Amino acid sequence: MQAVTLELATAKEAPLLANLIELYVHDVSDVFTQVELGADGRFGYAKLPLYFSEPERRFAFVMRREGRVAGFVLATRGLPAATEPDVYDVAEFFVLKRYRGARVGEAAAFELWRRLPGKWTVRVAERNTGALAFWSRSVMRFTHGAAREQTLPGEPHAWRVFSFESPA
């Protein structure tokens, strides 16, 4: 596989991330049916500015393959589903379609977990079958099967939650 990198995004790259988020939200709009297109023809992502104003808690990465943009990752420290404030969470994860199936996403996820060692939670909507297969496979490969997996009820859909620790 060719080189996949994660680069910590700067505020200058916020427009790039905003554009990628539009592609991502469009991709998942059939799963998350409560997502509505705005009057300006964009989905938007209100939390994006927080990734640059809360750098101790939010982490935005641009995913690249051989130097070309391949997607993005948004991760947070602390989330409502975890009882510990220092648990990391994959908030959003997107790989451009041309790079899917080439293990680019898996390489990026592994890099993310290596760069931010500690306790992790990965939440996936049960209805998002493609993402569920990807995360199940990737988490289990990274942890050598040592991750905890559970299904939690939710509205409008249940969630599959993977919990594990990434070593320092």
C-alpha atoms as a PDB file:
ATOM      1  CA  MET A   1       0.000   0.000   0.000  1.00  0.00           C
ATOM      2  CA  GLN A   2       1.160   3.523  -0.731  1.00  0.00           C
ATOM      3  CA  ALA A   3       1.887   6.031   2.027  1.00  0.00           C
ATOM      4  CA  VAL A   4      -1.083   7.358   3.975  1.00  0.00           C
ATOM      5  CA  THR A   5      -0.536  10.284   6.321  1.00  0.00           C
ATOM      6  CA  LEU A   6      -2.592  12.279   8.779  1.00  0.00           C
ATOM      7  CA  GLU A   7      -1.711  15.943   9.054  1.00  0.00           C
ATOM      8  CA  LEU A   8      -3.028  17.995  11.941  1.00  0.00           C
ATOM      9  CA  ALA A   9      -5.188  20.633  10.265  1.00  0.00           C
ATOM     10  CA  THR A  10      -4.646  24.319  10.874  1.00  0.00           C
ATOM     11  CA  ALA A  11      -7.297  27.037  10.820  1.00  0.00           C
ATOM     12  CA  LYS A  12      -6.107  27.857   7.277  1.00  0.00           C
ATOM     13  CA  GLU A  13      -7.371  24.420   6.233  1.00  0.00           C
ATOM     14  CA  ALA A  14     -10.859  24.960   7.658  1.00  0.00           C
ATOM     15  CA  PRO A  15     -12.280  25.676   4.160  1.00  0.00           C
ATOM     16  CA  LEU A  16     -10.804  22.391   2.871  1.00  0.00           C
ATOM     17  CA  LEU A  17     -12.350  20.499   5.789  1.00  0.00           C
ATOM     18  CA  ALA A  18     -15.685  22.286   5.292  1.00  0.00           C
ATOM     19  CA  ASN A  19     -15.727  21.153   1.644  1.00  0.00           C
ATOM     20  CA  LEU A  20     -14.845  17.573   2.564  1.00  0.00           C
ATOM     21  CA  ILE A  21     -17.533  17.581   5.251  1.00  0.00           C
ATOM     22  CA  GLU A  22     -20.121  18.407   2.577  1.00  0.00           C
ATOM     23  CA  LEU A  23     -19.124  15.258   0.653  1.00  0.00           C
ATOM     24  CA  TYR A  24     -19.152  13.217   3.851  1.00  0.00           C
ATOM     25  CA  VAL A  25     -22.571  14.393   5.028  1.00  0.00           C
ATOM     26  CA  HIS A  26     -23.997  13.790   1.564  1.00  0.00           C
ATOM     27  CA  ASP A  27     -22.609  10.227   1.716  1.00  0.00           C
ATOM     28  CA  VAL A  28     -24.247   9.484   5.072  1.00  0.00           C
ATOM     29  CA  SER A  29     -27.501  11.391   4.527  1.00  0.00           C
ATOM     30  CA  ASP A  30     -29.284   8.142   3.653  1.00  0.00           C
ATOM     31  CA  VAL A  31     -28.326   6.730   7.078  1.00  0.00           C
ATOM     32  CA  PHE A  32     -28.789   9.894   9.118  1.00  0.00           C
ATOM     33  CA  THR A  33     -32.090  10.972   7.625  1.00  0.00           C
ATOM     34  CA  GLN A  34     -32.522  13.833  10.099  1.00  0.00           C
ATOM     35  CA  VAL A  35     -29.734  15.707   8.257  1.00  0.00           C
ATOM     36  CA  GLU A  36     -31.226  18.512   6.185  1.00  0.00           C
ATOM     37  CA  LEU A  37     -29.713  20.588   3.428  1.00  0.00           C
ATOM     38  CA  GLY A  38     -29.599  24.283   4.320  1.00  0.00           C
ATOM     39  CA  ALA A  39     -31.159  27.079   2.282  1.00  0.00           C
ATOM     40  CA  ASP A  40     -27.675  27.819   0.898  1.00  0.00           C
ATOM     41  CA  GLY A  41     -27.409  24.287  -0.558  1.00  0.00           C
ATOM     42  CA  ARG A  42     -24.884  23.174   2.069  1.00  0.00           C
ATOM     43  CA  PHE A  43     -25.221  20.829   5.011  1.00  0.00           C
ATOM     44  CA  GLY A  44     -22.698  22.676   7.154  1.00  0.00           C
ATOM     45  CA  TYR A  45     -21.020  21.498  10.331  1.00  0.00           C
ATOM     46  CA  ALA A  46     -21.508  23.927  13.192  1.00  0.00           C
ATOM     47  CA  LYS A  47     -18.816  22.305  15.366  1.00  0.00           C
ATOM     48  CA  LEU A  48     -15.976  22.740  12.854  1.00  0.00           C
ATOM     49  CA  PRO A  49     -14.692  26.054  14.350  1.00  0.00           C
ATOM     50  CA  LEU A  50     -14.359  24.317  17.729  1.00  0.00           C
ATOM     51  CA  TYR A  51     -11.615  22.114  16.290  1.00  0.00           C
ATOM     52  CA  PHE A  52      -9.436  25.206  16.024  1.00  0.00           C
ATOM     53  CA  SER A  53     -10.519  26.979  19.225  1.00  0.00           C
ATOM     54  CA  GLU A  54     -10.307  23.900  21.516  1.00  0.00           C
ATOM     55  CA  PRO A  55      -7.027  22.241  20.436  1.00  0.00           C
ATOM     56  CA  GLU A  56      -6.623  20.412  23.760  1.00  0.00           C
ATOM     57  CA  ARG A  57      -9.957  18.650  23.254  1.00  0.00           C
ATOM     58  CA  ARG A  58     -10.616  18.498  19.512  1.00  0.00           C
ATOM     59  CA  PHE A  59      -8.346  17.237  16.754  1.00  0.00           C
ATOM     60  CA  ALA A  60      -8.862  17.766  13.025  1.00  0.00           C
ATOM     61  CA  PHE A  61      -6.712  15.877  10.542  1.00  0.00           C
ATOM     62  CA  VAL A  62      -6.412  15.916   6.781  1.00  0.00           C
ATOM     63  CA  MET A  63      -5.864  12.426   5.397  1.00  0.00           C
ATOM     64  CA  ARG A  64      -3.496  12.169   2.437  1.00  0.00           C
ATOM     65  CA  ARG A  65      -2.335   9.379   0.195  1.00  0.00           C
ATOM     66  CA  GLU A  66       0.893  10.117  -1.643  1.00  0.00           C
ATOM     67  CA  GLY A  67       0.413  13.770  -0.818  1.00  0.00           C
ATOM     68  CA  ARG A  68      -3.090  14.010  -2.291  1.00  0.00           C
ATOM     69  CA  VAL A  69      -6.134  14.718  -0.126  1.00  0.00           C
ATOM     70  CA  ALA A  70      -7.900  11.425   0.582  1.00  0.00           C
ATOM     71  CA  GLY A  71     -10.271  12.407   3.410  1.00  0.00           C
ATOM     72  CA  PHE A  72     -10.382  13.735   6.941  1.00  0.00           C
ATOM     73  CA  VAL A  73     -10.689  12.698  10.569  1.00  0.00           C
ATOM     74  CA  LEU A  74     -12.263  14.622  13.429  1.00  0.00           C
ATOM     75  CA  ALA A  75     -11.527  13.244  16.883  1.00  0.00           C
ATOM     76  CA  THR A  76     -12.473  14.503  20.328  1.00  0.00           C
ATOM     77  CA  ARG A  77     -11.362  13.914  23.878  1.00  0.00           C
ATOM     78  CA  GLY A  78     -14.401  13.330  26.076  1.00  0.00           C
ATOM     79  CA  LEU A  79     -17.919  12.594  24.874  1.00  0.00           C
ATOM     80  CA  PRO A  80     -21.376  12.089  26.356  1.00  0.00           C
ATOM     81  CA  ALA A  81     -21.346   8.309  25.750  1.00  0.00           C
ATOM     82  CA  ALA A  82     -18.202   7.804  27.864  1.00  0.00           C
ATOM     83  CA  THR A  83     -18.035   8.135  31.612  1.00  0.00           C
ATOM     84  CA  GLU A  84     -14.394   9.217  31.505  1.00  0.00           C
ATOM     85  CA  PRO A  85     -13.546  12.736  30.266  1.00  0.00           C
ATOM     86  CA  ASP A  86     -10.231  11.648  28.711  1.00  0.00           C
ATOM     87  CA  VAL A  87     -11.599   8.954  26.401  1.00  0.00           C
ATOM     88  CA  TYR A  88     -10.918   9.726  22.753  1.00  0.00           C
ATOM     89  CA  ASP A  89     -13.722   9.450  20.215  1.00  0.00           C
ATOM     90  CA  VAL A  90     -13.744   9.244  16.439  1.00  0.00           C
ATOM     91  CA  ALA A  91     -16.296  12.007  15.859  1.00  0.00           C
ATOM     92  CA  GLU A  92     -16.239  11.986  12.045  1.00  0.00           C
ATOM     93  CA  PHE A  93     -14.208   9.949   9.564  1.00  0.00           C
ATOM     94  CA  PHE A  94     -14.340  10.239   5.794  1.00  0.00           C
ATOM     95  CA  VAL A  95     -12.403   8.627   2.956  1.00  0.00           C
ATOM     96  CA  LEU A  96     -13.008   9.757  -0.624  1.00  0.00           C
ATOM     97  CA  LYS A  97     -14.657   7.004  -2.665  1.00  0.00           C
ATOM     98  CA  ARG A  98     -11.668   6.576  -4.985  1.00  0.00           C
ATOM     99  CA  TYR A  99      -9.555   5.479  -1.984  1.00  0.00           C
ATOM    100  CA  ARG A 100     -12.036   3.124  -0.360  1.00  0.00           C
ATOM    101  CA  GLY A 101     -11.210  -0.567  -0.483  1.00  0.00           C
ATOM    102  CA  ALA A 102      -7.468   0.181  -0.681  1.00  0.00           C
ATOM    103  CA  ARG A 103      -7.011   0.149   3.128  1.00  0.00           C
ATOM    104  CA  VAL A 104      -6.394   3.909   3.135  1.00  0.00           C
ATOM    105  CA  GLY A 105      -9.018   4.365   5.855  1.00  0.00           C
ATOM    106  CA  GLU A 106      -7.538   1.601   7.949  1.00  0.00           C
ATOM    107  CA  ALA A 107      -4.037   3.061   7.645  1.00  0.00           C
ATOM    108  CA  ALA A 108      -5.385   6.471   8.681  1.00  0.00           C
ATOM    109  CA  ALA A 109      -7.278   5.003  11.649  1.00  0.00           C
ATOM    110  CA  PHE A 110      -4.176   3.149  12.823  1.00  0.00           C
ATOM    111  CA  GLU A 111      -2.125   6.357  12.524  1.00  0.00           C
ATOM    112  CA  LEU A 112      -4.762   8.261  14.496  1.00  0.00           C
ATOM    113  CA  TRP A 113      -4.733   5.727  17.325  1.00  0.00           C
ATOM    114  CA  ARG A 114      -0.922   5.707  17.418  1.00  0.00           C
ATOM    115  CA  ARG A 115      -0.737   9.526  17.495  1.00  0.00           C
ATOM    116  CA  LEU A 116      -3.258   9.838  20.315  1.00  0.00           C
ATOM    117  CA  PRO A 117      -2.526   6.959  22.691  1.00  0.00           C
ATOM    118  CA  GLY A 118      -5.054   6.217  25.404  1.00  0.00           C
ATOM    119  CA  LYS A 119      -8.593   4.972  25.774  1.00  0.00           C
ATOM    120  CA  TRP A 120     -10.741   5.119  22.633  1.00  0.00           C
ATOM    121  CA  THR A 121     -14.396   4.792  21.693  1.00  0.00           C
ATOM    122  CA  VAL A 122     -15.597   4.304  18.140  1.00  0.00           C
ATOM    123  CA  ARG A 123     -19.363   4.661  17.677  1.00  0.00           C
ATOM    124  CA  VAL A 124     -21.112   3.486  14.517  1.00  0.00           C
ATOM    125  CA  ALA A 125     -24.786   3.603  13.611  1.00  0.00           C
ATOM    126  CA  GLU A 126     -26.068   0.042  13.184  1.00  0.00           C
ATOM    127  CA  ARG A 127     -27.812   1.147   9.971  1.00  0.00           C
ATOM    128  CA  ASN A 128     -24.513   2.271   8.452  1.00  0.00           C
ATOM    129  CA  THR A 129     -23.551  -1.238   7.345  1.00  0.00           C
ATOM    130  CA  GLY A 130     -20.516  -0.240   5.275  1.00  0.00           C
ATOM    131  CA  ALA A 131     -19.015   1.790   8.115  1.00  0.00           C
ATOM    132  CA  LEU A 132     -19.906  -0.913  10.614  1.00  0.00           C
ATOM    133  CA  ALA A 133     -17.974  -3.529   8.621  1.00  0.00           C
ATOM    134  CA  PHE A 134     -15.020  -1.144   8.202  1.00  0.00           C
ATOM    135  CA  TRP A 135     -14.806  -0.210  11.899  1.00  0.00           C
ATOM    136  CA  SER A 136     -15.328  -3.746  13.159  1.00  0.00           C
ATOM    137  CA  ARG A 137     -12.524  -5.034  10.940  1.00  0.00           C
ATOM    138  CA  SER A 138     -10.163  -2.090  11.600  1.00  0.00           C
ATOM    139  CA  VAL A 139     -10.606  -1.970  15.376  1.00  0.00           C
ATOM    140  CA  MET A 140     -10.181  -5.726  15.713  1.00  0.00           C
ATOM    141  CA  ARG A 141      -7.048  -5.712  13.521  1.00  0.00           C
ATOM    142  CA  PHE A 142      -5.522  -2.820  15.462  1.00  0.00           C
ATOM    143  CA  THR A 143      -6.265  -4.374  18.861  1.00  0.00           C
ATOM    144  CA  HIS A 144      -5.638  -7.978  17.773  1.00  0.00           C
ATOM    145  CA  GLY A 145      -9.193  -8.769  18.861  1.00  0.00           C
ATOM    146  CA  ALA A 146      -8.863  -7.164  22.298  1.00  0.00           C
ATOM    147  CA  ALA A 147     -11.497  -4.438  21.852  1.00  0.00           C
ATOM    148  CA  ARG A 148     -14.787  -4.534  23.711  1.00  0.00           C
ATOM    149  CA  GLU A 149     -17.844  -4.350  21.466  1.00  0.00           C
ATOM    150  CA  GLN A 150     -21.394  -3.566  22.537  1.00  0.00           C
ATOM    151  CA  THR A 151     -24.654  -2.401  21.020  1.00  0.00           C
ATOM    152  CA  LEU A 152     -26.442   0.513  22.632  1.00  0.00           C
ATOM    153  CA  PRO A 153     -30.024   1.557  21.960  1.00  0.00           C
ATOM    154  CA  GLY A 154     -30.634   4.975  20.478  1.00  0.00           C
ATOM    155  CA  GLU A 155     -32.989   7.114  18.458  1.00  0.00           C
ATOM    156  CA  PRO A 156     -33.395   7.013  15.549  1.00  0.00           C
ATOM    157  CA  HIS A 157     -31.087   3.951  15.480  1.00  0.00           C
ATOM    158  CA  ALA A 158     -28.965   1.733  17.688  1.00  0.00           C
ATOM    159  CA  TRP A 159     -25.206   2.207  17.925  1.00  0.00           C
ATOM    160  CA  ARG A 160     -22.347  -0.270  17.871  1.00  0.00           C
ATOM    161  CA  VAL A 161     -19.641   0.912  20.236  1.00  0.00           C
ATOM    162  CA  PHE A 162     -16.039  -0.324  20.207  1.00  0.00           C
ATOM    163  CA  SER A 163     -13.860   0.430  23.236  1.00  0.00           C
ATOM    164  CA  PHE A 164     -10.120  -0.190  23.460  1.00  0.00           C
ATOM    165  CA  GLU A 165      -6.813   1.286  24.527  1.00  0.00           C
ATOM    166  CA  SER A 166      -4.151   2.473  22.137  1.00  0.00           C
ATOM    167  CA  PRO A 167      -0.682   1.949  23.607  1.00  0.00           C
ATOM    168  CA  ALA A 168       1.778   4.813  24.045  1.00  0.00           C
END
